[in-house]
Amino acid sequence: MAVLRTGLIALIAVLGLAFAWLAFEWSRSDTQIAGKPYGVAFELVDQTGAPITEAAFSEKPTALFFGFTHCPEVCPTTLFELDGWLRRVDPDGDKMNAYFVTVDPERDTSDILGSYVSSVSDRIIGITGEPQEIREMAKGFNVFFQKVPSDTADPDGDYTMNHTALVFLMNNGGKFAATISFGEDADVAVRKLQNLING
């Protein structure tokens, strides 16, 4: 009985140390994310075909969303809502930047992306580029995406994309500040954007 009790105490102690270590690692990760520019370096193009790099995310507070133009619901809804929130917190459009990065660069050329984004907002800029470069950028921002064939019998046919549905918010140094989830309450989203602008 004493041996069993000692074993249980030792097990509890080990588990406690393990949880303490995990908490420390999570805390350290959050500190590292908050302490330096979020994401990775990249060289892509915007919806006009002009070069764009990660430096654009450090010029002003920035809202960043990853999606694709063939998206049936999440992307058009998010872009429409984001445009409305931006008009509330930054009516003159001089305090914040917003970007829409395609996760489907094979279909989303600059021209297509430009037409798509501009039909919803003149406040949001589309970003595209070579597929490998998009993959590396998305990975650096911890964004998941995956091609899903619409017809499994024809893997080379039409397809859709599964992807992370978050708006990433970064301050004017490019550091991670918060996220806005798909379907988040509009007042909460606006408050997050206002806090971002106010620093």
N, C-alpha and C. Protein backbone atom coordinates (compact mmCIF):
# COMPACT_ATOMS: atom_id res chain seq x y z
N MET A 1 0.82 -1.20 0.00
CA MET A 1 0.00 0.00 0.00
C MET A 1 0.86 1.26 0.00
N ALA A 2 1.92 1.24 0.83
CA ALA A 2 2.82 2.39 0.91
C ALA A 2 3.54 2.59 -0.42
N VAL A 3 3.90 1.46 -1.07
CA VAL A 3 4.58 1.55 -2.36
C VAL A 3 3.65 2.18 -3.39
N LEU A 4 2.36 1.79 -3.38
CA LEU A 4 1.38 2.33 -4.31
C LEU A 4 1.19 3.83 -4.08
N ARG A 5 1.11 4.22 -2.80
CA ARG A 5 0.95 5.64 -2.45
C ARG A 5 2.16 6.44 -2.93
N THR A 6 3.34 5.91 -2.72
CA THR A 6 4.57 6.58 -3.15
C THR A 6 4.61 6.71 -4.67
N GLY A 7 4.18 5.65 -5.35
CA GLY A 7 4.15 5.68 -6.82
C GLY A 7 3.18 6.73 -7.34
N LEU A 8 2.00 6.82 -6.68
CA LEU A 8 1.01 7.82 -7.09
C LEU A 8 1.52 9.23 -6.86
N ILE A 9 2.18 9.43 -5.73
CA ILE A 9 2.73 10.76 -5.43
C ILE A 9 3.79 11.13 -6.46
N ALA A 10 4.64 10.15 -6.80
CA ALA A 10 5.68 10.41 -7.79
C ALA A 10 5.06 10.72 -9.16
N LEU A 11 3.99 9.98 -9.51
CA LEU A 11 3.31 10.21 -10.79
C LEU A 11 2.70 11.60 -10.84
N ILE A 12 2.04 11.98 -9.75
CA ILE A 12 1.44 13.32 -9.67
C ILE A 12 2.51 14.40 -9.80
N ALA A 13 3.64 14.18 -9.14
CA ALA A 13 4.74 15.15 -9.20
C ALA A 13 5.26 15.29 -10.64
N VAL A 14 5.42 14.14 -11.31
CA VAL A 14 5.91 14.16 -12.69
C VAL A 14 4.92 14.88 -13.60
N LEU A 15 3.62 14.59 -13.43
CA LEU A 15 2.60 15.24 -14.25
C LEU A 15 2.57 16.74 -13.98
N GLY A 16 2.73 17.11 -12.73
CA GLY A 16 2.76 18.53 -12.37
C GLY A 16 3.91 19.25 -13.03
N LEU A 17 5.08 18.60 -13.01
CA LEU A 17 6.24 19.19 -13.68
C LEU A 17 6.03 19.30 -15.19
N ALA A 18 5.39 18.27 -15.76
CA ALA A 18 5.14 18.28 -17.20
C ALA A 18 4.20 19.42 -17.58
N PHE A 19 3.13 19.60 -16.79
CA PHE A 19 2.19 20.69 -17.07
C PHE A 19 2.86 22.05 -16.87
N ALA A 20 3.69 22.17 -15.87
CA ALA A 20 4.41 23.42 -15.63
C ALA A 20 5.33 23.74 -16.81
N TRP A 21 6.01 22.72 -17.32
CA TRP A 21 6.90 22.92 -18.47
C TRP A 21 6.11 23.34 -19.71
N LEU A 22 4.96 22.66 -19.94
CA LEU A 22 4.12 23.02 -21.09
C LEU A 22 3.62 24.45 -20.97
N ALA A 23 3.19 24.84 -19.77
CA ALA A 23 2.71 26.21 -19.56
C ALA A 23 3.82 27.22 -19.84
N PHE A 24 5.04 26.88 -19.40
CA PHE A 24 6.18 27.77 -19.65
C PHE A 24 6.45 27.90 -21.14
N GLU A 25 6.42 26.77 -21.86
CA GLU A 25 6.68 26.80 -23.30
C GLU A 25 5.62 27.60 -24.04
N TRP A 26 4.34 27.40 -23.67
CA TRP A 26 3.27 28.17 -24.31
C TRP A 26 3.45 29.65 -24.04
N SER A 27 3.77 29.98 -22.81
CA SER A 27 3.98 31.39 -22.44
C SER A 27 5.14 31.98 -23.22
N ARG A 28 6.22 31.20 -23.34
CA ARG A 28 7.40 31.68 -24.06
C ARG A 28 7.08 31.87 -25.53
N SER A 29 6.28 30.96 -26.10
CA SER A 29 5.89 31.09 -27.51
C SER A 29 5.07 32.35 -27.73
N ASP A 30 4.10 32.60 -26.83
CA ASP A 30 3.28 33.80 -26.95
C ASP A 30 4.14 35.05 -26.85
N THR A 31 5.11 35.04 -25.95
CA THR A 31 6.00 36.19 -25.78
C THR A 31 6.83 36.40 -27.04
N GLN A 32 7.33 35.31 -27.61
CA GLN A 32 8.13 35.43 -28.83
C GLN A 32 7.30 35.97 -29.98
N ILE A 33 6.03 35.49 -30.09
CA ILE A 33 5.15 35.97 -31.15
C ILE A 33 4.90 37.46 -30.98
N ALA A 34 4.64 37.88 -29.73
CA ALA A 34 4.32 39.28 -29.47
C ALA A 34 5.55 40.17 -29.57
N GLY A 35 6.74 39.60 -29.42
CA GLY A 35 7.94 40.41 -29.35
C GLY A 35 8.63 40.69 -30.67
N LYS A 36 8.20 40.09 -31.76
CA LYS A 36 8.85 40.32 -33.05
C LYS A 36 7.80 40.30 -34.15
N PRO A 37 8.12 40.82 -35.33
CA PRO A 37 7.14 40.81 -36.42
C PRO A 37 6.62 39.39 -36.68
N TYR A 38 5.33 39.31 -36.90
CA TYR A 38 4.68 38.02 -37.11
C TYR A 38 4.88 37.55 -38.55
N GLY A 39 4.95 36.25 -38.73
CA GLY A 39 5.05 35.69 -40.07
C GLY A 39 6.48 35.54 -40.55
N VAL A 40 6.64 35.54 -41.86
CA VAL A 40 7.95 35.32 -42.48
C VAL A 40 8.16 36.33 -43.61
N ALA A 41 9.40 36.44 -44.04
CA ALA A 41 9.70 37.29 -45.20
C ALA A 41 9.10 36.65 -46.46
N PHE A 42 8.64 37.48 -47.38
CA PHE A 42 8.08 36.96 -48.63
C PHE A 42 8.24 38.00 -49.73
N GLU A 43 8.17 37.53 -50.96
CA GLU A 43 8.18 38.39 -52.14
C GLU A 43 7.07 37.91 -53.05
N LEU A 44 5.95 38.63 -53.04
CA LEU A 44 4.79 38.27 -53.84
C LEU A 44 4.38 39.48 -54.67
N VAL A 45 3.17 39.46 -55.21
CA VAL A 45 2.67 40.61 -55.98
C VAL A 45 1.27 40.94 -55.50
N ASP A 46 0.90 42.23 -55.62
CA ASP A 46 -0.45 42.62 -55.23
C ASP A 46 -1.38 42.49 -56.43
N GLN A 47 -2.60 42.93 -56.27
CA GLN A 47 -3.62 42.73 -57.30
C GLN A 47 -3.38 43.55 -58.56
N THR A 48 -2.44 44.50 -58.50
CA THR A 48 -2.07 45.25 -59.70
C THR A 48 -0.84 44.67 -60.38
N GLY A 49 -0.24 43.64 -59.76
CA GLY A 49 0.97 43.05 -60.29
C GLY A 49 2.23 43.66 -59.73
N ALA A 50 2.10 44.63 -58.83
CA ALA A 50 3.27 45.28 -58.24
C ALA A 50 3.86 44.41 -57.14
N PRO A 51 5.18 44.40 -56.98
CA PRO A 51 5.80 43.60 -55.93
C PRO A 51 5.35 44.05 -54.55
N ILE A 52 5.25 43.11 -53.64
CA ILE A 52 4.90 43.40 -52.25
C ILE A 52 5.67 42.45 -51.35
N THR A 53 6.17 42.96 -50.24
CA THR A 53 6.91 42.14 -49.28
C THR A 53 6.30 42.32 -47.89
N GLU A 54 6.89 41.62 -46.93
CA GLU A 54 6.41 41.69 -45.54
C GLU A 54 6.52 43.10 -44.97
N ALA A 55 7.33 43.96 -45.58
CA ALA A 55 7.49 45.34 -45.09
C ALA A 55 6.16 46.09 -45.10
N ALA A 56 5.26 45.71 -46.02
CA ALA A 56 3.96 46.38 -46.10
C ALA A 56 3.15 46.19 -44.82
N PHE A 57 3.40 45.10 -44.10
CA PHE A 57 2.65 44.81 -42.89
C PHE A 57 3.15 45.59 -41.68
N SER A 58 4.25 46.33 -41.85
CA SER A 58 4.82 47.09 -40.75
C SER A 58 4.56 48.58 -40.87
N GLU A 59 3.96 49.00 -41.97
CA GLU A 59 3.76 50.43 -42.21
C GLU A 59 2.66 51.02 -41.33
N LYS A 60 1.59 50.26 -41.15
CA LYS A 60 0.44 50.69 -40.35
C LYS A 60 -0.14 49.45 -39.67
N PRO A 61 -1.05 49.63 -38.71
CA PRO A 61 -1.77 48.46 -38.22
C PRO A 61 -2.42 47.74 -39.41
N THR A 62 -2.40 46.42 -39.37
CA THR A 62 -2.79 45.63 -40.54
C THR A 62 -3.75 44.52 -40.19
N ALA A 63 -4.77 44.35 -41.05
CA ALA A 63 -5.66 43.20 -40.99
C ALA A 63 -5.31 42.31 -42.18
N LEU A 64 -5.16 41.00 -41.93
CA LEU A 64 -4.69 40.07 -42.96
C LEU A 64 -5.57 38.83 -42.97
N PHE A 65 -6.10 38.51 -44.15
CA PHE A 65 -6.98 37.35 -44.28
C PHE A 65 -6.52 36.50 -45.47
N PHE A 66 -6.54 35.18 -45.28
CA PHE A 66 -6.17 34.23 -46.34
C PHE A 66 -7.43 33.55 -46.85
N GLY A 67 -7.60 33.52 -48.19
CA GLY A 67 -8.79 32.88 -48.76
C GLY A 67 -8.60 32.66 -50.25
N PHE A 68 -9.70 32.58 -50.99
CA PHE A 68 -9.60 32.37 -52.44
C PHE A 68 -10.88 32.85 -53.12
N THR A 69 -10.78 33.20 -54.38
CA THR A 69 -11.89 33.87 -55.07
C THR A 69 -13.06 32.94 -55.39
N HIS A 70 -12.83 31.62 -55.43
CA HIS A 70 -13.91 30.68 -55.70
C HIS A 70 -14.62 30.25 -54.41
N CYS A 71 -14.26 30.85 -53.31
CA CYS A 71 -14.84 30.51 -52.01
C CYS A 71 -16.33 30.86 -52.00
N PRO A 72 -17.19 29.92 -51.61
CA PRO A 72 -18.62 30.17 -51.71
C PRO A 72 -19.21 31.05 -50.61
N GLU A 73 -18.63 31.07 -49.43
CA GLU A 73 -19.28 31.80 -48.33
C GLU A 73 -18.30 32.55 -47.43
N VAL A 74 -17.33 31.84 -46.86
CA VAL A 74 -16.48 32.43 -45.83
C VAL A 74 -15.73 33.66 -46.34
N CYS A 75 -15.12 33.55 -47.51
CA CYS A 75 -14.28 34.65 -48.01
C CYS A 75 -15.09 35.89 -48.39
N PRO A 76 -16.14 35.76 -49.22
CA PRO A 76 -16.89 36.98 -49.54
C PRO A 76 -17.54 37.61 -48.31
N THR A 77 -18.00 36.77 -47.39
CA THR A 77 -18.60 37.30 -46.17
C THR A 77 -17.57 38.05 -45.33
N THR A 78 -16.39 37.44 -45.17
CA THR A 78 -15.34 38.07 -44.38
C THR A 78 -14.88 39.38 -45.00
N LEU A 79 -14.67 39.40 -46.31
CA LEU A 79 -14.24 40.63 -46.97
C LEU A 79 -15.30 41.72 -46.84
N PHE A 80 -16.56 41.37 -47.02
CA PHE A 80 -17.64 42.34 -46.91
C PHE A 80 -17.71 42.90 -45.48
N GLU A 81 -17.64 42.02 -44.49
CA GLU A 81 -17.71 42.47 -43.11
C GLU A 81 -16.48 43.30 -42.74
N LEU A 82 -15.29 42.85 -43.18
CA LEU A 82 -14.07 43.59 -42.87
C LEU A 82 -14.13 44.99 -43.47
N ASP A 83 -14.63 45.11 -44.68
CA ASP A 83 -14.76 46.43 -45.30
C ASP A 83 -15.66 47.33 -44.45
N GLY A 84 -16.77 46.80 -43.98
CA GLY A 84 -17.67 47.58 -43.14
C GLY A 84 -17.04 47.98 -41.82
N TRP A 85 -16.31 47.06 -41.19
CA TRP A 85 -15.64 47.38 -39.92
C TRP A 85 -14.58 48.47 -40.13
N LEU A 86 -13.82 48.36 -41.22
CA LEU A 86 -12.79 49.36 -41.50
C LEU A 86 -13.40 50.74 -41.69
N ARG A 87 -14.54 50.81 -42.34
CA ARG A 87 -15.20 52.10 -42.56
C ARG A 87 -15.68 52.71 -41.24
N ARG A 88 -15.98 51.85 -40.28
CA ARG A 88 -16.40 52.37 -38.97
C ARG A 88 -15.22 52.90 -38.16
N VAL A 89 -14.11 52.18 -38.16
CA VAL A 89 -12.97 52.57 -37.30
C VAL A 89 -11.98 53.50 -37.99
N ASP A 90 -12.01 53.50 -39.32
CA ASP A 90 -11.03 54.29 -40.08
C ASP A 90 -11.72 54.86 -41.33
N PRO A 91 -12.67 55.77 -41.13
CA PRO A 91 -13.46 56.26 -42.26
C PRO A 91 -12.66 56.90 -43.38
N ASP A 92 -11.52 57.52 -43.04
CA ASP A 92 -10.70 58.17 -44.07
C ASP A 92 -9.73 57.20 -44.73
N GLY A 93 -9.58 56.02 -44.17
CA GLY A 93 -8.72 55.00 -44.76
C GLY A 93 -7.24 55.28 -44.67
N ASP A 94 -6.83 56.05 -43.66
CA ASP A 94 -5.41 56.38 -43.54
C ASP A 94 -4.74 55.84 -42.29
N LYS A 95 -5.48 55.04 -41.50
CA LYS A 95 -4.92 54.55 -40.24
C LYS A 95 -4.59 53.06 -40.27
N MET A 96 -5.20 52.32 -41.21
CA MET A 96 -5.03 50.86 -41.25
C MET A 96 -4.86 50.38 -42.67
N ASN A 97 -4.16 49.27 -42.83
CA ASN A 97 -4.09 48.54 -44.10
C ASN A 97 -4.79 47.20 -43.94
N ALA A 98 -5.30 46.68 -45.04
CA ALA A 98 -5.93 45.36 -45.02
C ALA A 98 -5.56 44.61 -46.29
N TYR A 99 -5.29 43.31 -46.13
CA TYR A 99 -4.84 42.49 -47.26
C TYR A 99 -5.59 41.16 -47.30
N PHE A 100 -5.81 40.68 -48.53
CA PHE A 100 -6.43 39.38 -48.77
C PHE A 100 -5.44 38.55 -49.57
N VAL A 101 -4.87 37.53 -48.94
CA VAL A 101 -3.87 36.67 -49.60
C VAL A 101 -4.56 35.42 -50.13
N THR A 102 -4.43 35.16 -51.42
CA THR A 102 -5.06 33.96 -51.96
C THR A 102 -4.28 32.71 -51.56
N VAL A 103 -5.02 31.65 -51.28
CA VAL A 103 -4.40 30.34 -51.06
C VAL A 103 -4.61 29.46 -52.30
N ASP A 104 -5.08 30.10 -53.38
CA ASP A 104 -5.33 29.39 -54.63
C ASP A 104 -4.69 30.17 -55.80
N PRO A 105 -3.36 30.35 -55.74
CA PRO A 105 -2.70 31.18 -56.75
C PRO A 105 -2.74 30.60 -58.16
N GLU A 106 -3.03 29.30 -58.28
CA GLU A 106 -3.11 28.69 -59.60
C GLU A 106 -4.27 29.28 -60.41
N ARG A 107 -5.35 29.65 -59.71
CA ARG A 107 -6.49 30.28 -60.38
C ARG A 107 -6.52 31.79 -60.16
N ASP A 108 -6.05 32.22 -59.01
CA ASP A 108 -6.19 33.64 -58.64
C ASP A 108 -4.99 34.46 -59.11
N THR A 109 -5.01 34.83 -60.37
CA THR A 109 -4.00 35.73 -60.91
C THR A 109 -4.25 37.14 -60.36
N SER A 110 -3.33 38.04 -60.62
CA SER A 110 -3.50 39.42 -60.16
C SER A 110 -4.79 40.03 -60.70
N ASP A 111 -5.07 39.82 -61.98
CA ASP A 111 -6.26 40.39 -62.60
C ASP A 111 -7.54 39.86 -61.97
N ILE A 112 -7.60 38.54 -61.82
CA ILE A 112 -8.79 37.93 -61.22
C ILE A 112 -8.95 38.37 -59.79
N LEU A 113 -7.86 38.37 -59.04
CA LEU A 113 -7.90 38.78 -57.64
C LEU A 113 -8.32 40.24 -57.52
N GLY A 114 -7.78 41.09 -58.41
CA GLY A 114 -8.13 42.50 -58.38
C GLY A 114 -9.61 42.74 -58.62
N SER A 115 -10.16 42.05 -59.61
CA SER A 115 -11.59 42.19 -59.91
C SER A 115 -12.44 41.72 -58.74
N TYR A 116 -12.03 40.61 -58.16
CA TYR A 116 -12.79 40.02 -57.05
C TYR A 116 -12.79 40.93 -55.83
N VAL A 117 -11.62 41.36 -55.41
CA VAL A 117 -11.50 42.18 -54.20
C VAL A 117 -12.15 43.54 -54.40
N SER A 118 -11.90 44.17 -55.55
CA SER A 118 -12.43 45.52 -55.78
C SER A 118 -13.94 45.53 -55.91
N SER A 119 -14.55 44.38 -56.23
CA SER A 119 -16.01 44.32 -56.30
C SER A 119 -16.63 44.36 -54.91
N VAL A 120 -15.81 44.09 -53.89
CA VAL A 120 -16.30 44.09 -52.51
C VAL A 120 -15.79 45.30 -51.74
N SER A 121 -14.53 45.69 -51.99
CA SER A 121 -13.92 46.73 -51.17
C SER A 121 -12.81 47.45 -51.92
N ASP A 122 -12.71 48.76 -51.67
CA ASP A 122 -11.57 49.51 -52.17
C ASP A 122 -10.57 49.77 -51.04
N ARG A 123 -10.81 49.11 -49.91
CA ARG A 123 -9.95 49.28 -48.73
C ARG A 123 -9.02 48.08 -48.53
N ILE A 124 -9.27 47.00 -49.25
CA ILE A 124 -8.52 45.75 -49.08
C ILE A 124 -7.72 45.48 -50.35
N ILE A 125 -6.47 45.06 -50.20
CA ILE A 125 -5.58 44.79 -51.33
C ILE A 125 -5.33 43.28 -51.43
N GLY A 126 -5.50 42.74 -52.63
CA GLY A 126 -5.25 41.32 -52.86
C GLY A 126 -3.78 41.03 -53.07
N ILE A 127 -3.36 39.85 -52.64
CA ILE A 127 -1.97 39.41 -52.81
C ILE A 127 -1.95 37.99 -53.39
N THR A 128 -1.11 37.77 -54.39
CA THR A 128 -0.94 36.45 -54.99
C THR A 128 0.53 36.24 -55.32
N GLY A 129 0.84 35.16 -56.00
CA GLY A 129 2.23 34.87 -56.35
C GLY A 129 2.39 33.42 -56.77
N GLU A 130 3.62 32.97 -56.85
CA GLU A 130 3.89 31.59 -57.21
C GLU A 130 3.39 30.65 -56.11
N PRO A 131 2.83 29.50 -56.49
CA PRO A 131 2.26 28.57 -55.49
C PRO A 131 3.21 28.22 -54.35
N GLN A 132 4.46 27.92 -54.67
CA GLN A 132 5.41 27.56 -53.61
C GLN A 132 5.64 28.72 -52.66
N GLU A 133 5.71 29.93 -53.18
CA GLU A 133 5.93 31.10 -52.34
C GLU A 133 4.71 31.37 -51.45
N ILE A 134 3.53 31.15 -52.00
CA ILE A 134 2.30 31.29 -51.19
C ILE A 134 2.29 30.25 -50.08
N ARG A 135 2.67 29.02 -50.41
CA ARG A 135 2.71 27.96 -49.38
C ARG A 135 3.66 28.33 -48.25
N GLU A 136 4.83 28.84 -48.61
CA GLU A 136 5.81 29.19 -47.59
C GLU A 136 5.34 30.36 -46.73
N MET A 137 4.69 31.33 -47.36
CA MET A 137 4.17 32.45 -46.59
C MET A 137 3.08 31.99 -45.63
N ALA A 138 2.12 31.21 -46.16
CA ALA A 138 1.02 30.73 -45.32
C ALA A 138 1.54 29.91 -44.14
N LYS A 139 2.50 29.04 -44.40
CA LYS A 139 3.09 28.25 -43.33
C LYS A 139 3.72 29.15 -42.28
N GLY A 140 4.38 30.21 -42.72
CA GLY A 140 5.01 31.14 -41.79
C GLY A 140 4.03 31.91 -40.93
N PHE A 141 2.80 32.02 -41.42
CA PHE A 141 1.75 32.69 -40.65
C PHE A 141 0.84 31.68 -39.95
N ASN A 142 1.25 30.42 -39.94
CA ASN A 142 0.47 29.34 -39.30
C ASN A 142 -0.93 29.22 -39.89
N VAL A 143 -1.00 29.37 -41.20
CA VAL A 143 -2.28 29.26 -41.91
C VAL A 143 -2.33 27.91 -42.62
N PHE A 144 -3.41 27.18 -42.38
CA PHE A 144 -3.62 25.89 -43.03
C PHE A 144 -4.45 26.09 -44.29
N PHE A 145 -4.09 25.40 -45.39
CA PHE A 145 -4.99 25.32 -46.53
C PHE A 145 -4.73 24.03 -47.28
N GLN A 146 -5.76 23.54 -47.95
CA GLN A 146 -5.68 22.25 -48.64
C GLN A 146 -6.66 22.22 -49.79
N LYS A 147 -6.19 21.77 -50.95
CA LYS A 147 -7.06 21.62 -52.11
C LYS A 147 -7.96 20.40 -51.92
N VAL A 148 -9.24 20.57 -52.22
CA VAL A 148 -10.21 19.48 -52.08
C VAL A 148 -10.95 19.32 -53.40
N PRO A 149 -10.69 18.24 -54.15
CA PRO A 149 -11.39 18.04 -55.43
C PRO A 149 -12.89 17.96 -55.23
N SER A 150 -13.64 18.63 -56.10
CA SER A 150 -15.10 18.58 -56.02
C SER A 150 -15.63 17.22 -56.42
N ASP A 151 -14.93 16.57 -57.35
CA ASP A 151 -15.32 15.24 -57.82
C ASP A 151 -14.11 14.32 -57.68
N THR A 152 -14.16 13.41 -56.72
CA THR A 152 -13.00 12.54 -56.48
C THR A 152 -12.69 11.64 -57.67
N ALA A 153 -13.66 11.47 -58.58
CA ALA A 153 -13.41 10.65 -59.77
C ALA A 153 -12.59 11.41 -60.80
N ASP A 154 -12.50 12.73 -60.63
CA ASP A 154 -11.75 13.56 -61.56
C ASP A 154 -10.85 14.50 -60.76
N PRO A 155 -9.73 13.99 -60.25
CA PRO A 155 -8.85 14.79 -59.38
C PRO A 155 -8.25 16.00 -60.07
N ASP A 156 -8.26 16.04 -61.41
CA ASP A 156 -7.74 17.19 -62.13
C ASP A 156 -8.83 18.18 -62.51
N GLY A 157 -10.05 17.93 -62.06
CA GLY A 157 -11.17 18.80 -62.39
C GLY A 157 -11.32 19.94 -61.40
N ASP A 158 -12.56 20.39 -61.24
CA ASP A 158 -12.85 21.52 -60.35
C ASP A 158 -12.52 21.14 -58.91
N TYR A 159 -12.24 22.15 -58.10
CA TYR A 159 -11.89 21.90 -56.71
C TYR A 159 -12.24 23.10 -55.86
N THR A 160 -12.25 22.88 -54.58
CA THR A 160 -12.40 23.96 -53.62
C THR A 160 -11.19 23.93 -52.68
N MET A 161 -11.18 24.81 -51.70
CA MET A 161 -10.05 24.88 -50.77
C MET A 161 -10.56 24.93 -49.33
N ASN A 162 -10.00 24.08 -48.50
CA ASN A 162 -10.18 24.24 -47.06
C ASN A 162 -9.08 25.18 -46.57
N HIS A 163 -9.41 26.09 -45.66
CA HIS A 163 -8.38 27.04 -45.20
C HIS A 163 -8.75 27.65 -43.86
N THR A 164 -7.75 28.15 -43.18
CA THR A 164 -7.95 28.86 -41.92
C THR A 164 -8.81 30.09 -42.18
N ALA A 165 -9.83 30.28 -41.34
CA ALA A 165 -10.78 31.39 -41.55
C ALA A 165 -10.66 32.42 -40.43
N LEU A 166 -9.47 32.97 -40.29
CA LEU A 166 -9.21 34.01 -39.29
C LEU A 166 -8.69 35.27 -39.96
N VAL A 167 -9.06 36.42 -39.40
CA VAL A 167 -8.42 37.67 -39.78
C VAL A 167 -7.33 37.92 -38.75
N PHE A 168 -6.08 37.99 -39.21
CA PHE A 168 -4.96 38.27 -38.31
C PHE A 168 -4.78 39.77 -38.19
N LEU A 169 -4.59 40.24 -36.97
CA LEU A 169 -4.38 41.66 -36.71
C LEU A 169 -2.95 41.87 -36.22
N MET A 170 -2.26 42.82 -36.85
CA MET A 170 -0.88 43.13 -36.48
C MET A 170 -0.74 44.63 -36.27
N ASN A 171 0.11 45.01 -35.33
CA ASN A 171 0.29 46.44 -35.07
C ASN A 171 1.20 47.06 -36.12
N ASN A 172 1.51 48.36 -35.96
CA ASN A 172 2.27 49.04 -37.01
C ASN A 172 3.75 48.66 -37.05
N GLY A 173 4.15 47.73 -36.22
CA GLY A 173 5.48 47.15 -36.33
C GLY A 173 5.44 45.76 -36.90
N GLY A 174 4.24 45.32 -37.31
CA GLY A 174 4.07 43.98 -37.86
C GLY A 174 3.97 42.89 -36.82
N LYS A 175 3.80 43.27 -35.54
CA LYS A 175 3.72 42.28 -34.47
C LYS A 175 2.28 41.81 -34.28
N PHE A 176 2.15 40.52 -34.00
CA PHE A 176 0.83 39.93 -33.79
C PHE A 176 0.10 40.61 -32.64
N ALA A 177 -1.19 40.94 -32.85
CA ALA A 177 -1.99 41.58 -31.81
C ALA A 177 -3.21 40.75 -31.42
N ALA A 178 -3.94 40.21 -32.42
CA ALA A 178 -5.17 39.47 -32.12
C ALA A 178 -5.67 38.82 -33.40
N THR A 179 -6.79 38.12 -33.28
CA THR A 179 -7.47 37.57 -34.46
C THR A 179 -8.96 37.88 -34.36
N ILE A 180 -9.60 37.88 -35.51
CA ILE A 180 -11.06 37.96 -35.58
C ILE A 180 -11.53 36.68 -36.23
N SER A 181 -12.41 35.96 -35.55
CA SER A 181 -12.90 34.68 -36.06
C SER A 181 -14.06 34.90 -37.03
N PHE A 182 -14.25 33.94 -37.91
CA PHE A 182 -15.41 33.98 -38.81
C PHE A 182 -16.68 33.92 -37.97
N GLY A 183 -17.60 34.82 -38.20
CA GLY A 183 -18.84 34.85 -37.45
C GLY A 183 -18.75 35.59 -36.13
N GLU A 184 -17.62 36.21 -35.85
CA GLU A 184 -17.47 36.93 -34.59
C GLU A 184 -18.42 38.13 -34.53
N ASP A 185 -18.87 38.45 -33.33
CA ASP A 185 -19.78 39.57 -33.14
C ASP A 185 -19.16 40.85 -33.72
N ALA A 186 -19.95 41.60 -34.47
CA ALA A 186 -19.44 42.77 -35.17
C ALA A 186 -18.88 43.81 -34.21
N ASP A 187 -19.55 44.04 -33.09
CA ASP A 187 -19.07 45.04 -32.13
C ASP A 187 -17.72 44.63 -31.53
N VAL A 188 -17.56 43.33 -31.29
CA VAL A 188 -16.28 42.83 -30.77
C VAL A 188 -15.19 43.02 -31.80
N ALA A 189 -15.50 42.70 -33.06
CA ALA A 189 -14.52 42.86 -34.14
C ALA A 189 -14.11 44.33 -34.28
N VAL A 190 -15.08 45.22 -34.24
CA VAL A 190 -14.79 46.65 -34.36
C VAL A 190 -13.93 47.12 -33.19
N ARG A 191 -14.24 46.63 -32.01
CA ARG A 191 -13.45 47.01 -30.82
C ARG A 191 -12.00 46.55 -30.96
N LYS A 192 -11.79 45.35 -31.51
CA LYS A 192 -10.42 44.85 -31.71
C LYS A 192 -9.67 45.74 -32.71
N LEU A 193 -10.35 46.14 -33.77
CA LEU A 193 -9.71 47.00 -34.76
C LEU A 193 -9.41 48.38 -34.18
N GLN A 194 -10.34 48.90 -33.38
CA GLN A 194 -10.13 50.20 -32.75
C GLN A 194 -8.95 50.14 -31.78
N ASN A 195 -8.88 49.06 -31.01
CA ASN A 195 -7.75 48.89 -30.09
C ASN A 195 -6.44 48.83 -30.85
N LEU A 196 -6.46 48.18 -32.00
CA LEU A 196 -5.26 48.06 -32.83
C LEU A 196 -4.80 49.44 -33.31
N ILE A 197 -5.75 50.25 -33.73
CA ILE A 197 -5.41 51.60 -34.20
C ILE A 197 -4.90 52.47 -33.07
N ASN A 198 -5.53 52.33 -31.90
CA ASN A 198 -5.15 53.16 -30.75
C ASN A 198 -3.82 52.74 -30.15
N GLY A 199 -3.36 51.53 -30.52
CA GLY A 199 -2.06 51.05 -30.03
C GLY A 199 -2.12 50.56 -28.62
